């Protein structure tokens, strides 16, 4: 028997800010799971703290007001360590776009 588990990450605009929410139907949690919002216009090949605009642990609930202004082009990801104490890898990725909310330019300052 094969079990299939799903992890999700969604972005939306609320009161002018970028909000993220996530979920899973997995009975186990990600190893040191985190939610990332990256600076720049792409996902970094090897994520580092200097690439991050904001991040939070995935155990801090399942919804997050990033405090960043809403805009199209934010690169967001859900990640975890692979292997334990190893580098972080992204396993859910999204880029905000106009179908998620108002089509405005993000402010990366």
N, C-alpha and C. Protein backbone atom coordinates (compact mmCIF):
# COMPACT_ATOMS: atom_id res chain seq x y z
N UNK A 1 0.84 -1.18 0.00
CA UNK A 1 0.00 0.00 0.00
C UNK A 1 0.88 1.25 0.00
N UNK A 2 0.53 2.19 -0.82
CA UNK A 2 1.27 3.44 -0.92
C UNK A 2 0.41 4.57 -0.37
N UNK A 3 0.98 5.34 0.55
CA UNK A 3 0.29 6.51 1.06
C UNK A 3 0.75 7.73 0.28
N UNK A 4 -0.19 8.59 -0.05
CA UNK A 4 0.12 9.84 -0.73
C UNK A 4 -0.22 10.99 0.19
N UNK A 5 0.75 11.87 0.39
CA UNK A 5 0.55 13.04 1.23
C UNK A 5 0.75 14.29 0.40
N UNK A 6 0.04 15.33 0.77
CA UNK A 6 0.13 16.58 0.04
C UNK A 6 0.50 17.72 0.98
N UNK A 7 1.32 18.64 0.47
CA UNK A 7 1.69 19.86 1.16
C UNK A 7 1.29 21.00 0.24
N UNK A 8 0.74 22.07 0.79
CA UNK A 8 0.33 23.19 -0.04
C UNK A 8 0.87 24.50 0.52
N UNK A 9 0.94 25.48 -0.35
CA UNK A 9 1.32 26.84 0.01
C UNK A 9 0.51 27.77 -0.88
N UNK A 10 -0.16 28.75 -0.27
CA UNK A 10 -0.98 29.70 -1.00
C UNK A 10 -0.63 31.12 -0.59
N UNK A 11 -0.74 32.04 -1.53
CA UNK A 11 -0.50 33.46 -1.25
C UNK A 11 -1.78 34.23 -1.57
N UNK A 12 -2.01 35.28 -0.77
CA UNK A 12 -3.15 36.16 -1.04
C UNK A 12 -2.89 37.53 -0.45
N UNK A 13 -3.69 38.50 -0.90
CA UNK A 13 -3.57 39.88 -0.42
C UNK A 13 -4.62 40.11 0.66
N UNK A 14 -4.19 40.74 1.76
CA UNK A 14 -5.13 41.11 2.82
C UNK A 14 -4.65 42.43 3.42
N UNK A 15 -5.50 43.46 3.36
CA UNK A 15 -5.18 44.80 3.87
C UNK A 15 -3.87 45.32 3.28
N UNK A 16 -3.61 45.00 2.02
CA UNK A 16 -2.43 45.51 1.33
C UNK A 16 -1.15 44.73 1.57
N UNK A 17 -1.21 43.67 2.37
CA UNK A 17 -0.02 42.88 2.67
C UNK A 17 -0.05 41.51 1.99
N UNK A 18 1.13 40.94 1.86
CA UNK A 18 1.30 39.57 1.37
C UNK A 18 1.05 38.62 2.54
N UNK A 19 0.07 37.78 2.40
CA UNK A 19 -0.23 36.74 3.39
C UNK A 19 0.03 35.39 2.75
N UNK A 20 0.52 34.45 3.55
CA UNK A 20 0.74 33.08 3.09
C UNK A 20 0.01 32.13 4.03
N UNK A 21 -0.51 31.05 3.47
CA UNK A 21 -1.08 30.00 4.30
C UNK A 21 -0.66 28.66 3.72
N UNK A 22 -0.59 27.67 4.59
CA UNK A 22 -0.08 26.36 4.19
C UNK A 22 -0.84 25.27 4.92
N UNK A 23 -0.77 24.06 4.37
CA UNK A 23 -1.43 22.92 4.99
C UNK A 23 -0.78 21.64 4.49
N UNK A 24 -1.10 20.56 5.18
CA UNK A 24 -0.67 19.23 4.77
C UNK A 24 -1.64 18.21 5.35
N UNK A 25 -1.72 17.06 4.71
CA UNK A 25 -2.49 15.95 5.26
C UNK A 25 -1.55 14.86 5.77
N UNK A 26 -0.29 15.20 5.89
CA UNK A 26 0.72 14.26 6.36
C UNK A 26 0.62 14.05 7.87
N UNK A 27 0.81 12.81 8.34
CA UNK A 27 0.78 12.57 9.78
C UNK A 27 2.10 12.95 10.46
N UNK A 28 3.11 13.35 9.70
CA UNK A 28 4.40 13.75 10.25
C UNK A 28 4.73 15.16 9.77
N UNK A 29 5.58 15.85 10.51
CA UNK A 29 5.92 17.22 10.12
C UNK A 29 7.24 17.24 9.35
N UNK A 30 7.47 18.35 8.67
CA UNK A 30 8.71 18.56 7.92
C UNK A 30 9.85 18.73 8.93
N UNK A 31 11.04 18.33 8.56
CA UNK A 31 12.21 18.52 9.43
C UNK A 31 12.59 19.99 9.45
N UNK A 32 12.36 20.66 10.57
CA UNK A 32 12.66 22.10 10.71
C UNK A 32 11.98 22.92 9.61
N UNK A 33 10.70 22.66 9.37
CA UNK A 33 9.97 23.31 8.30
C UNK A 33 9.89 24.82 8.46
N UNK A 34 10.07 25.53 7.35
CA UNK A 34 10.01 26.98 7.33
C UNK A 34 9.26 27.46 6.10
N UNK A 35 8.76 28.69 6.18
CA UNK A 35 8.12 29.36 5.06
C UNK A 35 9.02 30.54 4.69
N UNK A 36 9.35 30.67 3.41
CA UNK A 36 10.30 31.68 2.95
C UNK A 36 9.64 32.64 1.96
N UNK A 37 10.06 33.91 2.01
CA UNK A 37 9.78 34.88 0.95
C UNK A 37 11.15 35.40 0.54
N UNK A 38 11.48 35.20 -0.73
CA UNK A 38 12.80 35.56 -1.22
C UNK A 38 12.85 36.95 -1.84
N UNK A 39 14.00 37.61 -1.70
CA UNK A 39 14.29 38.83 -2.43
C UNK A 39 14.59 38.44 -3.87
N UNK A 40 14.52 39.39 -4.76
CA UNK A 40 14.91 39.12 -6.14
C UNK A 40 13.77 38.61 -6.99
N UNK A 41 14.11 38.26 -8.22
CA UNK A 41 13.12 37.86 -9.20
C UNK A 41 13.19 36.39 -9.58
N UNK A 42 13.79 35.58 -8.69
CA UNK A 42 13.86 34.14 -8.95
C UNK A 42 14.12 33.41 -7.63
N UNK A 43 14.01 32.11 -7.68
CA UNK A 43 14.35 31.30 -6.51
C UNK A 43 15.85 31.07 -6.51
N UNK A 44 16.51 31.25 -5.37
CA UNK A 44 17.97 31.03 -5.34
C UNK A 44 18.29 29.55 -5.52
N UNK A 45 19.41 29.28 -6.18
CA UNK A 45 19.83 27.89 -6.39
C UNK A 45 20.13 27.22 -5.07
N UNK A 46 20.86 27.93 -4.21
CA UNK A 46 21.18 27.43 -2.87
C UNK A 46 20.76 28.51 -1.88
N UNK A 47 19.56 28.36 -1.29
CA UNK A 47 19.05 29.41 -0.40
C UNK A 47 20.00 29.74 0.74
N UNK A 48 20.10 31.01 1.04
CA UNK A 48 20.90 31.50 2.16
C UNK A 48 20.13 32.63 2.82
N UNK A 49 20.46 32.96 4.04
CA UNK A 49 19.75 34.02 4.75
C UNK A 49 19.77 35.34 4.00
N UNK A 50 20.81 35.60 3.22
CA UNK A 50 20.89 36.85 2.49
C UNK A 50 19.87 36.93 1.36
N UNK A 51 19.32 35.79 0.97
CA UNK A 51 18.31 35.74 -0.09
C UNK A 51 16.91 36.03 0.43
N UNK A 52 16.73 36.06 1.73
CA UNK A 52 15.40 36.12 2.32
C UNK A 52 14.94 37.54 2.59
N UNK A 53 13.69 37.81 2.19
CA UNK A 53 13.03 39.04 2.60
C UNK A 53 12.41 38.80 3.98
N UNK A 54 11.82 37.63 4.18
CA UNK A 54 11.19 37.24 5.44
C UNK A 54 11.12 35.72 5.51
N UNK A 55 11.00 35.20 6.73
CA UNK A 55 10.77 33.77 6.92
C UNK A 55 10.10 33.55 8.27
N UNK A 56 9.46 32.39 8.42
CA UNK A 56 8.88 31.98 9.69
C UNK A 56 8.89 30.46 9.76
N UNK A 57 8.83 29.95 10.98
CA UNK A 57 8.70 28.49 11.16
C UNK A 57 7.31 28.07 10.74
N UNK A 58 7.18 26.89 10.16
CA UNK A 58 5.85 26.42 9.76
C UNK A 58 5.01 25.96 10.95
N UNK A 59 5.60 25.93 12.13
CA UNK A 59 4.86 25.54 13.33
C UNK A 59 4.17 26.73 14.00
N UNK A 60 4.40 27.94 13.49
CA UNK A 60 3.77 29.14 14.05
C UNK A 60 2.37 29.33 13.48
N UNK A 61 1.58 28.28 13.45
CA UNK A 61 0.24 28.34 12.87
C UNK A 61 0.27 27.88 11.44
N UNK A 62 -0.75 28.22 10.69
CA UNK A 62 -0.78 27.85 9.28
C UNK A 62 -1.15 29.02 8.39
N UNK A 63 -1.00 30.23 8.92
CA UNK A 63 -1.30 31.43 8.16
C UNK A 63 -0.39 32.54 8.69
N UNK A 64 0.10 33.40 7.78
CA UNK A 64 1.12 34.36 8.19
C UNK A 64 0.99 35.66 7.42
N UNK A 65 0.89 36.76 8.16
CA UNK A 65 0.99 38.10 7.58
C UNK A 65 2.48 38.42 7.53
N UNK A 66 3.06 38.41 6.34
CA UNK A 66 4.50 38.61 6.21
C UNK A 66 4.92 40.03 6.57
N UNK A 67 3.96 40.97 6.55
CA UNK A 67 4.30 42.37 6.78
C UNK A 67 4.86 43.04 5.53
N UNK A 68 5.02 42.27 4.47
CA UNK A 68 5.51 42.81 3.20
C UNK A 68 4.33 43.32 2.38
N UNK A 69 4.53 44.36 1.60
CA UNK A 69 3.43 44.86 0.78
C UNK A 69 3.06 43.86 -0.31
N UNK A 70 1.76 43.73 -0.54
CA UNK A 70 1.31 42.83 -1.61
C UNK A 70 1.87 43.30 -2.93
N UNK A 71 2.18 42.38 -3.80
CA UNK A 71 2.60 42.71 -5.15
C UNK A 71 2.84 41.46 -5.95
N UNK A 72 2.83 41.61 -7.23
CA UNK A 72 3.12 40.48 -8.11
C UNK A 72 4.64 40.28 -8.15
N UNK A 73 5.05 39.04 -8.25
CA UNK A 73 6.46 38.72 -8.39
C UNK A 73 7.18 38.30 -7.13
N UNK A 74 6.48 38.18 -5.98
CA UNK A 74 7.14 37.65 -4.79
C UNK A 74 7.38 36.16 -4.99
N UNK A 75 8.57 35.69 -4.64
CA UNK A 75 8.93 34.27 -4.75
C UNK A 75 8.85 33.67 -3.35
N UNK A 76 7.90 32.78 -3.16
CA UNK A 76 7.60 32.21 -1.85
C UNK A 76 7.80 30.70 -1.90
N UNK A 77 8.20 30.12 -0.78
CA UNK A 77 8.45 28.68 -0.75
C UNK A 77 8.22 28.12 0.64
N UNK A 78 7.94 26.86 0.65
CA UNK A 78 7.90 26.08 1.89
C UNK A 78 9.09 25.15 1.81
N UNK A 79 9.88 25.10 2.88
CA UNK A 79 11.10 24.31 2.83
C UNK A 79 11.34 23.56 4.11
N UNK A 80 12.29 22.65 4.05
CA UNK A 80 12.69 21.85 5.21
C UNK A 80 14.11 21.37 5.01
N UNK A 81 14.70 20.89 6.10
CA UNK A 81 16.05 20.34 6.02
C UNK A 81 16.03 18.99 5.33
N UNK A 82 17.02 18.73 4.53
CA UNK A 82 17.18 17.43 3.88
C UNK A 82 18.66 17.17 3.70
N UNK A 83 19.23 16.27 4.41
CA UNK A 83 18.73 15.47 5.53
C UNK A 83 18.74 16.29 6.82
N UNK A 84 18.49 15.61 7.96
CA UNK A 84 18.50 16.28 9.26
C UNK A 84 19.80 17.06 9.43
N UNK A 85 19.67 18.32 9.84
CA UNK A 85 20.79 19.24 9.99
C UNK A 85 21.51 19.54 8.67
N UNK A 86 20.88 19.23 7.57
CA UNK A 86 21.46 19.49 6.26
C UNK A 86 20.94 20.79 5.69
N UNK A 87 21.21 21.05 4.44
CA UNK A 87 20.74 22.29 3.81
C UNK A 87 19.22 22.26 3.63
N UNK A 88 18.64 23.45 3.55
CA UNK A 88 17.21 23.55 3.29
C UNK A 88 16.92 23.36 1.81
N UNK A 89 15.81 22.70 1.54
CA UNK A 89 15.32 22.54 0.18
C UNK A 89 13.88 23.01 0.14
N UNK A 90 13.47 23.58 -0.98
CA UNK A 90 12.09 24.02 -1.18
C UNK A 90 11.30 22.89 -1.79
N UNK A 91 10.12 22.61 -1.22
CA UNK A 91 9.30 21.56 -1.84
C UNK A 91 7.93 22.06 -2.27
N UNK A 92 7.57 23.28 -1.93
CA UNK A 92 6.40 23.96 -2.48
C UNK A 92 6.87 25.36 -2.85
N UNK A 93 6.61 25.77 -4.07
CA UNK A 93 7.02 27.10 -4.53
C UNK A 93 5.87 27.78 -5.22
N UNK A 94 5.85 29.11 -5.10
CA UNK A 94 4.88 29.89 -5.86
C UNK A 94 5.44 31.28 -6.10
N UNK A 95 4.95 31.91 -7.14
CA UNK A 95 5.29 33.30 -7.46
C UNK A 95 3.96 34.04 -7.52
N UNK A 96 3.85 35.14 -6.74
CA UNK A 96 2.59 35.87 -6.74
C UNK A 96 2.31 36.46 -8.12
N UNK A 97 1.03 36.46 -8.48
CA UNK A 97 0.63 37.01 -9.78
C UNK A 97 -0.73 37.68 -9.64
N UNK A 98 -1.16 38.34 -10.69
CA UNK A 98 -2.37 39.16 -10.63
C UNK A 98 -3.64 38.34 -10.40
N UNK A 99 -3.63 37.04 -10.65
CA UNK A 99 -4.82 36.23 -10.39
C UNK A 99 -5.03 36.03 -8.89
N UNK A 100 -4.02 36.31 -8.08
CA UNK A 100 -4.10 36.15 -6.62
C UNK A 100 -4.58 37.42 -5.92
N UNK A 101 -4.59 38.53 -6.63
CA UNK A 101 -4.98 39.80 -6.03
C UNK A 101 -4.62 40.93 -6.95
N UNK A 102 -4.71 42.16 -6.48
CA UNK A 102 -4.43 43.32 -7.33
C UNK A 102 -3.03 43.22 -7.99
N UNK A 103 -2.98 43.61 -9.23
CA UNK A 103 -1.73 43.57 -9.98
C UNK A 103 -0.95 44.84 -9.71
N UNK A 104 -0.16 44.82 -8.65
CA UNK A 104 0.65 45.99 -8.28
C UNK A 104 2.10 45.57 -8.21
N UNK A 105 2.98 46.55 -8.33
CA UNK A 105 4.40 46.25 -8.25
C UNK A 105 4.79 46.07 -6.79
N UNK A 106 5.57 45.04 -6.49
CA UNK A 106 6.03 44.83 -5.12
C UNK A 106 7.13 45.82 -4.81
N UNK A 107 7.30 46.09 -3.54
CA UNK A 107 8.35 46.99 -3.06
C UNK A 107 9.39 46.13 -2.37
N UNK A 108 10.59 46.02 -2.92
CA UNK A 108 11.60 45.12 -2.36
C UNK A 108 12.61 45.86 -1.48
N UNK A 109 12.29 47.06 -1.04
CA UNK A 109 13.21 47.81 -0.16
C UNK A 109 13.23 47.21 1.22
